[in-house]
C-alpha atoms as a PDB file:
ATOM      1  CA  MET A   1       0.072   0.035  -0.046  1.00  0.00           C
ATOM      2  CA  TYR A   2       0.992   3.673  -0.666  1.00  0.00           C
ATOM      3  CA  VAL A   3       0.513   6.931   0.808  1.00  0.00           C
ATOM      4  CA  GLN A   4       0.286  10.180  -0.796  1.00  0.00           C
ATOM      5  CA  ASN A   5       2.498  12.773   0.453  1.00  0.00           C
ATOM      6  CA  HIS A   6       0.669  16.074  -0.108  1.00  0.00           C
ATOM      7  CA  ASP A   7       0.709  15.767  -3.951  1.00  0.00           C
ATOM      8  CA  LYS A   8       4.670  16.001  -3.956  1.00  0.00           C
ATOM      9  CA  GLY A   9       5.264  12.124  -3.949  1.00  0.00           C
ATOM     10  CA  ILE A  10       4.438   8.767  -3.009  1.00  0.00           C
ATOM     11  CA  LEU A  11       5.948   6.792  -0.471  1.00  0.00           C
ATOM     12  CA  PRO A  12       5.489   3.320   0.368  1.00  0.00           C
ATOM     13  CA  GLU A  13       3.457   3.140   3.715  1.00  0.00           C
ATOM     14  CA  LYS A  14       6.252   0.783   5.583  1.00  0.00           C
ATOM     15  CA  GLN A  15       9.327   2.814   3.983  1.00  0.00           C
ATOM     16  CA  ILE A  16      11.848   2.905   7.021  1.00  0.00           C
ATOM     17  CA  ALA A  17      14.002   5.770   5.282  1.00  0.00           C
ATOM     18  CA  VAL A  18      14.379   7.916   2.363  1.00  0.00           C
ATOM     19  CA  THR A  19      16.865   9.886   0.300  1.00  0.00           C
ATOM     20  CA  ASN A  20      17.504  13.650   0.610  1.00  0.00           C
ATOM     21  CA  GLY A  21      14.820  14.331  -2.282  1.00  0.00           C
ATOM     22  CA  ALA A  22      11.962  12.330  -0.818  1.00  0.00           C
ATOM     23  CA  ALA A  23      12.807  13.802   2.734  1.00  0.00           C
ATOM     24  CA  ALA A  24      12.910  17.259   1.163  1.00  0.00           C
ATOM     25  CA  ARG A  25       9.534  16.648  -0.242  1.00  0.00           C
ATOM     26  CA  MET A  26       8.119  15.400   2.931  1.00  0.00           C
ATOM     27  CA  LEU A  27       9.247  18.817   4.628  1.00  0.00           C
ATOM     28  CA  GLY A  28       8.342  21.074   1.829  1.00  0.00           C
ATOM     29  CA  ILE A  29      11.593  22.779   0.958  1.00  0.00           C
ATOM     30  CA  SER A  30      14.080  21.879  -1.522  1.00  0.00           C
ATOM     31  CA  PRO A  31      16.732  19.260  -1.355  1.00  0.00           C
ATOM     32  CA  ARG A  32      19.423  22.041  -1.735  1.00  0.00           C
ATOM     33  CA  THR A  33      18.203  23.531   1.746  1.00  0.00           C
ATOM     34  CA  LEU A  34      18.051  20.337   3.291  1.00  0.00           C
ATOM     35  CA  SER A  35      21.602  19.816   2.452  1.00  0.00           C
ATOM     36  CA  ASN A  36      22.475  23.318   3.864  1.00  0.00           C
ATOM     37  CA  TRP A  37      20.281  22.422   6.800  1.00  0.00           C
ATOM     38  CA  ARG A  38      22.865  19.497   7.411  1.00  0.00           C
ATOM     39  CA  VAL A  39      25.993  21.293   7.043  1.00  0.00           C
ATOM     40  CA  GLN A  40      24.700  23.566   9.339  1.00  0.00           C
ATOM     41  CA  GLY A  41      23.734  21.040  11.896  1.00  0.00           C
ATOM     42  CA  ARG A  42      19.968  21.897  11.699  1.00  0.00           C
ATOM     43  CA  GLY A  43      17.265  19.698  10.368  1.00  0.00           C
ATOM     44  CA  PRO A  44      16.303  15.931  11.090  1.00  0.00           C
ATOM     45  CA  LYS A  45      19.082  13.401  11.990  1.00  0.00           C
ATOM     46  CA  TYR A  46      20.562  11.605   9.357  1.00  0.00           C
ATOM     47  CA  ILE A  47      22.171   8.162   8.257  1.00  0.00           C
ATOM     48  CA  LYS A  48      25.430   8.090   6.446  1.00  0.00           C
ATOM     49  CA  VAL A  49      26.377   4.770   5.373  1.00  0.00           C
ATOM     50  CA  GLY A  50      29.752   4.148   3.799  1.00  0.00           C
ATOM     51  CA  SER A  51      32.159   6.312   2.062  1.00  0.00           C
ATOM     52  CA  HIS A  52      32.027  10.243   2.161  1.00  0.00           C
ATOM     53  CA  ARG A  53      30.489   9.968  -1.596  1.00  0.00           C
ATOM     54  CA  SER A  54      27.498   7.351  -0.116  1.00  0.00           C
ATOM     55  CA  PRO A  55      24.233   8.863  -0.359  1.00  0.00           C
ATOM     56  CA  VAL A  56      22.270  10.229   2.865  1.00  0.00           C
ATOM     57  CA  LEU A  57      19.213   8.628   3.861  1.00  0.00           C
ATOM     58  CA  TYR A  58      16.511  10.004   6.384  1.00  0.00           C
ATOM     59  CA  ARG A  59      14.618   7.703   8.703  1.00  0.00           C
ATOM     60  CA  VAL A  60      10.750   8.717   8.461  1.00  0.00           C
ATOM     61  CA  CYS A  61      10.429   8.715  12.128  1.00  0.00           C
ATOM     62  CA  ASP A  62      13.289  10.923  12.729  1.00  0.00           C
ATOM     63  CA  ILE A  63      11.899  13.607  10.204  1.00  0.00           C
ATOM     64  CA  GLU A  64       8.272  13.132  12.177  1.00  0.00           C
ATOM     65  CA  ALA A  65      10.352  13.460  15.739  1.00  0.00           C
ATOM     66  CA  TRP A  66      11.910  16.691  13.966  1.00  0.00           C
ATOM     67  CA  LEU A  67       8.521  18.089  12.862  1.00  0.00           C
ATOM     68  CA  ASP A  68       7.126  17.537  16.211  1.00  0.00           C
ATOM     69  CA  SER A  69       9.914  19.474  17.909  1.00  0.00           C
ATOM     70  CA  HIS A  70       8.646  22.493  15.655  1.00  0.00           C
ATOM     71  CA  LEU A  71       4.968  22.201  16.619  1.00  0.00           C
ATOM     72  CA  VAL A  72       3.618  25.486  16.981  1.00  0.00           C
ATOM     73  CA  GLU A  73       0.417  25.933  19.227  1.00  0.00           C
ATOM     74  CA  GLY A  74      -2.387  28.254  17.942  1.00  0.00           C
ATOM     75  CA  ASP A  75      -1.036  31.042  20.269  1.00  0.00           C
ATOM     76  CA  GLY A  76       1.940  31.288  18.406  1.00  0.00           C
ATOM     77  CA  LYS A  77       4.159  29.525  20.976  1.00  0.00           C
ATOM     78  CA  THR A  78       5.913  26.258  20.549  1.00  0.00           C
ATOM     79  CA  SER A  79       4.681  23.358  22.369  1.00  0.00           C
ATOM     80  CA  ALA A  80       5.976  22.179  25.954  1.00  0.00           C
ATOM     81  CA  GLY A  81       9.552  20.620  24.835  1.00  0.00           C
ATOM     82  CA  ALA A  82       9.447  21.666  21.601  1.00  0.00           C
ATOM     83  CA  ARG A  83      12.685  23.463  20.241  1.00  0.00           C
ATOM     84  CA  ARG A  84      12.667  26.363  17.976  1.00  0.00           C
END
């Protein structure tokens, strides 16, 4: 089974990790922005397997956790425990 991701792509429902491009689509940003965030130490946790030229992967659960940590309440304040 597949789930639609805000009309930006289709991911298998049980997919554990995604590429930089797929993660960027999930976050609604460009892949280059996500790459820049990685260099700056921002953004979701990521996985680098192998040599320096190997692709970067993002676990879907880490993307979801990062999004949860940036949740803003209706009054404009971040949720308890959330970082800005």
